[in-house]
Structures are given as structure tokens and as C-alpha cells.
Amino acid sequence: MNRNIIPHLAIAALPFLVPAAHASSDEAWKQLAADVEAKCRKAAVAIEKPKAAVDPFGTLHYGLALMTGKPKGAKGLIVQICVYDKQEKSVEIGSAMDAEKFGFTPAK
């Protein structure tokens, strides 16, 4: 193959590669966020009425949410980090941490 044609082929292929980065629609991102929130709420068993702050996009492989709320059977406010595997559609949740360490205070 003529080596002078390789840069031209690369430039010709570029328009087909760029749209892949923008393939997700707003609706797909909303659906991902809703799935992350639902699964993270279910996984946050240490919190009475968990509230979720979902990262709207997450990382390349993971959806992320910060779960907050009153610990079951106790007073105060706790925080848990929830990680959603985009491929497996499963979640893992971190241990309960005192929200004061993060500077969070209950709304009055």
C-alpha cells in the first residue's frame, strides 16, 4: 500500500468516529440517571428515606450517586457513595459515613 494514502484514509474515517462520542441522547442520560437513582435507593438499606444526588453522566464505566439521609434506628445524618456499573447494571454501596465530616447539615 502506498504510505502517502494512510493519512488521507485516517482523515476520511474521522467523521465516522466523532459521532460515536455524541451518540447518547438526552433521554438516554435521563434514563441512566433514573436507573442509578432507583438501584442506589434500594441498596441504601442503612438509610430510612434515602435521598440521591446523581451525577448526570458518571464516568465512562460507572454511574455515581451520593446517598444521604437519617440512619435507621438512630439520629443524625449519614452519607453513602453508590457506584453503578453501566455494563452490568448493578450497584455497590459504600459504608455509612457521618455527614458532618463532609460539611452537610440537615435542612431546617
N, C-alpha and C. Protein backbone atom coordinates (compact mmCIF):
# COMPACT_ATOMS: atom_id res chain seq x y z
N MET A 1 0.85 -1.17 0.00
CA MET A 1 0.00 0.00 0.00
C MET A 1 0.90 1.23 0.00
N ASN A 2 0.49 2.20 -0.72
CA ASN A 2 1.21 3.46 -0.79
C ASN A 2 1.07 4.19 0.55
N ARG A 3 2.22 4.50 1.20
CA ARG A 3 2.19 5.13 2.53
C ARG A 3 1.60 6.54 2.49
N ASN A 4 1.60 7.17 1.36
CA ASN A 4 1.04 8.52 1.26
C ASN A 4 -0.47 8.53 1.40
N ILE A 5 -1.11 7.39 1.21
CA ILE A 5 -2.57 7.34 1.28
C ILE A 5 -3.07 7.15 2.71
N ILE A 6 -2.22 6.68 3.63
CA ILE A 6 -2.65 6.41 5.01
C ILE A 6 -3.19 7.66 5.70
N PRO A 7 -2.51 8.81 5.65
CA PRO A 7 -3.09 9.99 6.30
C PRO A 7 -4.44 10.40 5.70
N HIS A 8 -4.60 10.20 4.40
CA HIS A 8 -5.86 10.54 3.75
C HIS A 8 -6.98 9.61 4.20
N LEU A 9 -6.67 8.34 4.38
CA LEU A 9 -7.68 7.39 4.87
C LEU A 9 -8.08 7.72 6.30
N ALA A 10 -7.10 8.11 7.11
CA ALA A 10 -7.39 8.47 8.50
C ALA A 10 -8.31 9.69 8.55
N ILE A 11 -8.04 10.68 7.74
CA ILE A 11 -8.88 11.88 7.70
C ILE A 11 -10.27 11.55 7.18
N ALA A 12 -10.36 10.66 6.21
CA ALA A 12 -11.65 10.27 5.66
C ALA A 12 -12.48 9.50 6.69
N ALA A 13 -11.83 8.74 7.57
CA ALA A 13 -12.55 7.95 8.58
C ALA A 13 -13.00 8.79 9.77
N LEU A 14 -12.38 9.93 10.02
CA LEU A 14 -12.66 10.76 11.18
C LEU A 14 -14.13 11.12 11.36
N PRO A 15 -14.84 11.54 10.32
CA PRO A 15 -16.26 11.89 10.51
C PRO A 15 -17.10 10.72 11.01
N PHE A 16 -16.68 9.49 10.74
CA PHE A 16 -17.44 8.33 11.20
C PHE A 16 -17.15 7.99 12.65
N LEU A 17 -16.02 8.42 13.17
CA LEU A 17 -15.62 8.13 14.55
C LEU A 17 -16.15 9.17 15.53
N VAL A 18 -16.21 10.42 15.17
CA VAL A 18 -16.62 11.50 16.06
C VAL A 18 -18.06 11.35 16.54
N PRO A 19 -19.04 11.02 15.71
CA PRO A 19 -20.41 10.90 16.21
C PRO A 19 -20.58 9.86 17.32
N ALA A 20 -19.72 8.89 17.41
CA ALA A 20 -19.85 7.88 18.46
C ALA A 20 -19.73 8.52 19.84
N ALA A 21 -18.98 9.58 19.98
CA ALA A 21 -18.82 10.26 21.26
C ALA A 21 -20.08 11.01 21.65
N HIS A 22 -20.92 11.35 20.68
CA HIS A 22 -22.13 12.10 20.96
C HIS A 22 -23.39 11.27 20.71
N ALA A 23 -23.27 9.95 20.77
CA ALA A 23 -24.37 9.09 20.39
C ALA A 23 -25.49 9.05 21.42
N SER A 24 -25.19 9.31 22.69
CA SER A 24 -26.22 9.23 23.72
C SER A 24 -27.12 10.46 23.67
N SER A 25 -28.41 10.20 23.68
CA SER A 25 -29.39 11.29 23.65
C SER A 25 -29.66 11.77 25.07
N ASP A 26 -30.32 12.92 25.16
CA ASP A 26 -30.73 13.43 26.48
C ASP A 26 -31.61 12.42 27.19
N GLU A 27 -32.47 11.78 26.44
CA GLU A 27 -33.38 10.78 27.03
C GLU A 27 -32.59 9.59 27.58
N ALA A 28 -31.55 9.18 26.89
CA ALA A 28 -30.73 8.05 27.37
C ALA A 28 -30.01 8.44 28.67
N TRP A 29 -29.52 9.67 28.76
CA TRP A 29 -28.87 10.11 30.00
C TRP A 29 -29.87 10.18 31.14
N LYS A 30 -31.08 10.66 30.86
CA LYS A 30 -32.13 10.72 31.89
C LYS A 30 -32.49 9.32 32.37
N GLN A 31 -32.56 8.37 31.45
CA GLN A 31 -32.89 7.00 31.81
C GLN A 31 -31.78 6.40 32.67
N LEU A 32 -30.53 6.67 32.30
CA LEU A 32 -29.41 6.18 33.10
C LEU A 32 -29.49 6.75 34.51
N ALA A 33 -29.70 8.05 34.64
CA ALA A 33 -29.78 8.69 35.95
C ALA A 33 -30.92 8.11 36.78
N ALA A 34 -32.06 7.84 36.14
CA ALA A 34 -33.20 7.26 36.85
C ALA A 34 -32.88 5.85 37.33
N ASP A 35 -32.18 5.07 36.52
CA ASP A 35 -31.81 3.71 36.91
C ASP A 35 -30.80 3.73 38.05
N VAL A 36 -29.82 4.63 37.96
CA VAL A 36 -28.83 4.78 39.03
C VAL A 36 -29.55 5.15 40.33
N GLU A 37 -30.44 6.12 40.27
CA GLU A 37 -31.15 6.56 41.47
C GLU A 37 -31.99 5.43 42.07
N ALA A 38 -32.76 4.73 41.25
CA ALA A 38 -33.62 3.66 41.76
C ALA A 38 -32.80 2.54 42.41
N LYS A 39 -31.76 2.11 41.75
CA LYS A 39 -30.96 1.00 42.28
C LYS A 39 -30.15 1.42 43.50
N CYS A 40 -29.68 2.66 43.52
CA CYS A 40 -28.92 3.14 44.67
C CYS A 40 -29.83 3.34 45.88
N ARG A 41 -31.05 3.82 45.66
CA ARG A 41 -32.01 3.95 46.77
C ARG A 41 -32.29 2.58 47.39
N LYS A 42 -32.46 1.59 46.55
CA LYS A 42 -32.74 0.23 47.02
C LYS A 42 -31.55 -0.33 47.80
N ALA A 43 -30.34 0.01 47.37
CA ALA A 43 -29.13 -0.51 48.01
C ALA A 43 -28.80 0.20 49.31
N ALA A 44 -29.34 1.40 49.50
CA ALA A 44 -29.03 2.20 50.70
C ALA A 44 -29.89 1.75 51.88
N VAL A 45 -29.72 0.52 52.30
CA VAL A 45 -30.56 -0.07 53.35
C VAL A 45 -30.28 0.51 54.74
N ALA A 46 -29.18 1.19 54.93
CA ALA A 46 -28.85 1.78 56.23
C ALA A 46 -29.55 3.12 56.45
N ILE A 47 -30.20 3.64 55.40
CA ILE A 47 -30.83 4.96 55.45
C ILE A 47 -32.35 4.80 55.39
N GLU A 48 -33.05 5.53 56.31
CA GLU A 48 -34.52 5.41 56.37
C GLU A 48 -35.20 5.83 55.07
N LYS A 49 -35.01 7.04 54.65
CA LYS A 49 -35.60 7.55 53.40
C LYS A 49 -34.47 8.16 52.60
N PRO A 50 -33.71 7.33 51.88
CA PRO A 50 -32.51 7.85 51.20
C PRO A 50 -32.84 8.87 50.12
N LYS A 51 -32.03 9.93 50.11
CA LYS A 51 -32.09 10.93 49.05
C LYS A 51 -30.86 10.73 48.19
N ALA A 52 -31.05 10.83 46.88
CA ALA A 52 -29.96 10.58 45.94
C ALA A 52 -29.58 11.85 45.18
N ALA A 53 -28.30 12.12 45.14
CA ALA A 53 -27.75 13.17 44.27
C ALA A 53 -26.94 12.42 43.21
N VAL A 54 -27.52 12.31 42.02
CA VAL A 54 -26.93 11.50 40.95
C VAL A 54 -26.08 12.37 40.03
N ASP A 55 -24.87 11.91 39.78
CA ASP A 55 -24.02 12.55 38.77
C ASP A 55 -24.72 12.30 37.43
N PRO A 56 -25.06 13.34 36.67
CA PRO A 56 -25.86 13.13 35.45
C PRO A 56 -25.20 12.27 34.38
N PHE A 57 -23.88 12.14 34.38
CA PHE A 57 -23.20 11.36 33.36
C PHE A 57 -22.34 10.25 33.93
N GLY A 58 -21.81 10.43 35.13
CA GLY A 58 -20.92 9.44 35.72
C GLY A 58 -19.58 9.42 34.99
N THR A 59 -18.95 8.27 35.04
CA THR A 59 -17.68 8.09 34.34
C THR A 59 -17.93 7.23 33.11
N LEU A 60 -16.88 6.90 32.42
CA LEU A 60 -17.03 6.07 31.23
C LEU A 60 -17.70 4.73 31.55
N HIS A 61 -17.36 4.15 32.70
CA HIS A 61 -17.87 2.82 33.04
C HIS A 61 -18.89 2.80 34.17
N TYR A 62 -18.97 3.90 34.95
CA TYR A 62 -19.79 3.86 36.15
C TYR A 62 -20.71 5.07 36.27
N GLY A 63 -21.91 4.81 36.81
CA GLY A 63 -22.80 5.86 37.25
C GLY A 63 -22.50 6.09 38.72
N LEU A 64 -22.69 7.32 39.20
CA LEU A 64 -22.34 7.65 40.57
C LEU A 64 -23.47 8.40 41.25
N ALA A 65 -23.66 8.10 42.54
CA ALA A 65 -24.66 8.83 43.31
C ALA A 65 -24.18 8.96 44.75
N LEU A 66 -24.57 10.06 45.36
CA LEU A 66 -24.29 10.30 46.76
C LEU A 66 -25.61 10.16 47.49
N MET A 67 -25.70 9.20 48.39
CA MET A 67 -26.92 8.91 49.12
C MET A 67 -26.83 9.55 50.50
N THR A 68 -27.88 10.25 50.91
CA THR A 68 -27.90 10.89 52.22
C THR A 68 -29.22 10.61 52.90
N GLY A 69 -29.21 10.68 54.23
CA GLY A 69 -30.43 10.53 54.99
C GLY A 69 -30.17 10.14 56.42
N LYS A 70 -31.26 9.96 57.16
CA LYS A 70 -31.22 9.58 58.56
C LYS A 70 -30.91 8.10 58.66
N PRO A 71 -29.94 7.73 59.51
CA PRO A 71 -29.66 6.30 59.66
C PRO A 71 -30.82 5.58 60.34
N LYS A 72 -31.10 4.38 59.92
CA LYS A 72 -32.19 3.60 60.51
C LYS A 72 -31.89 3.35 61.99
N GLY A 73 -32.87 3.66 62.83
CA GLY A 73 -32.76 3.42 64.25
C GLY A 73 -31.83 4.35 64.99
N ALA A 74 -31.44 5.45 64.40
CA ALA A 74 -30.52 6.38 65.06
C ALA A 74 -30.84 7.81 64.63
N LYS A 75 -30.20 8.75 65.30
CA LYS A 75 -30.34 10.16 64.93
C LYS A 75 -29.14 10.57 64.10
N GLY A 76 -29.27 11.71 63.46
CA GLY A 76 -28.15 12.23 62.69
C GLY A 76 -28.39 12.18 61.20
N LEU A 77 -27.31 12.30 60.47
CA LEU A 77 -27.35 12.29 59.01
C LEU A 77 -26.11 11.54 58.51
N ILE A 78 -26.34 10.60 57.62
CA ILE A 78 -25.22 9.83 57.07
C ILE A 78 -25.17 9.99 55.56
N VAL A 79 -24.01 9.64 55.02
CA VAL A 79 -23.75 9.71 53.58
C VAL A 79 -23.18 8.37 53.14
N GLN A 80 -23.62 7.90 51.98
CA GLN A 80 -23.05 6.70 51.37
C GLN A 80 -22.80 6.99 49.89
N ILE A 81 -21.69 6.47 49.39
CA ILE A 81 -21.37 6.59 47.97
C ILE A 81 -21.89 5.35 47.27
N CYS A 82 -22.58 5.55 46.17
CA CYS A 82 -23.12 4.43 45.40
C CYS A 82 -22.50 4.44 44.00
N VAL A 83 -22.05 3.28 43.56
CA VAL A 83 -21.41 3.13 42.25
C VAL A 83 -22.23 2.13 41.44
N TYR A 84 -22.62 2.54 40.24
CA TYR A 84 -23.46 1.75 39.33
C TYR A 84 -22.61 1.32 38.14
N ASP A 85 -22.49 0.03 37.93
CA ASP A 85 -21.75 -0.49 36.79
C ASP A 85 -22.64 -0.40 35.56
N LYS A 86 -22.26 0.44 34.60
CA LYS A 86 -23.09 0.67 33.41
C LYS A 86 -23.27 -0.58 32.56
N GLN A 87 -22.28 -1.44 32.52
CA GLN A 87 -22.38 -2.65 31.70
C GLN A 87 -23.22 -3.72 32.40
N GLU A 88 -22.95 -3.95 33.67
CA GLU A 88 -23.65 -5.00 34.42
C GLU A 88 -25.01 -4.54 34.94
N LYS A 89 -25.20 -3.21 35.02
CA LYS A 89 -26.42 -2.61 35.57
C LYS A 89 -26.64 -3.04 37.03
N SER A 90 -25.53 -3.11 37.77
CA SER A 90 -25.57 -3.47 39.18
C SER A 90 -24.94 -2.35 39.99
N VAL A 91 -25.21 -2.33 41.30
CA VAL A 91 -24.66 -1.28 42.15
C VAL A 91 -23.89 -1.87 43.32
N GLU A 92 -22.98 -1.06 43.82
CA GLU A 92 -22.30 -1.32 45.08
C GLU A 92 -22.39 -0.05 45.88
N ILE A 93 -22.54 -0.20 47.19
CA ILE A 93 -22.68 0.98 48.04
C ILE A 93 -21.62 0.95 49.13
N GLY A 94 -21.07 2.12 49.40
CA GLY A 94 -20.03 2.24 50.43
C GLY A 94 -20.63 2.25 51.82
N SER A 95 -19.78 2.27 52.80
CA SER A 95 -20.23 2.26 54.19
C SER A 95 -20.82 3.63 54.57
N ALA A 96 -21.60 3.63 55.64
CA ALA A 96 -22.22 4.86 56.12
C ALA A 96 -21.16 5.74 56.77
N MET A 97 -21.14 7.00 56.35
CA MET A 97 -20.19 7.97 56.91
C MET A 97 -20.97 9.14 57.50
N ASP A 98 -20.47 9.69 58.58
CA ASP A 98 -21.11 10.83 59.23
C ASP A 98 -21.09 12.03 58.29
N ALA A 99 -22.25 12.58 58.03
CA ALA A 99 -22.37 13.69 57.07
C ALA A 99 -21.65 14.95 57.54
N GLU A 100 -21.45 15.11 58.84
CA GLU A 100 -20.74 16.29 59.35
C GLU A 100 -19.31 16.35 58.83
N LYS A 101 -18.72 15.20 58.56
CA LYS A 101 -17.35 15.17 58.02
C LYS A 101 -17.27 15.83 56.65
N PHE A 102 -18.40 15.88 55.96
CA PHE A 102 -18.46 16.48 54.63
C PHE A 102 -19.00 17.90 54.66
N GLY A 103 -19.37 18.36 55.87
CA GLY A 103 -19.93 19.70 56.00
C GLY A 103 -21.40 19.77 55.66
N PHE A 104 -22.07 18.60 55.59
CA PHE A 104 -23.51 18.57 55.33
C PHE A 104 -24.26 18.76 56.64
N THR A 105 -25.32 19.53 56.59
CA THR A 105 -26.18 19.68 57.75
C THR A 105 -27.62 19.51 57.30
N PRO A 106 -28.47 18.99 58.16
CA PRO A 106 -29.88 18.82 57.78
C PRO A 106 -30.53 20.16 57.46
N ALA A 107 -31.43 20.18 56.50
CA ALA A 107 -32.18 21.38 56.15
C ALA A 107 -33.18 21.69 57.27
N LYS A 108 -33.34 22.98 57.56
CA LYS A 108 -34.28 23.37 58.63
C LYS A 108 -35.47 24.06 58.05
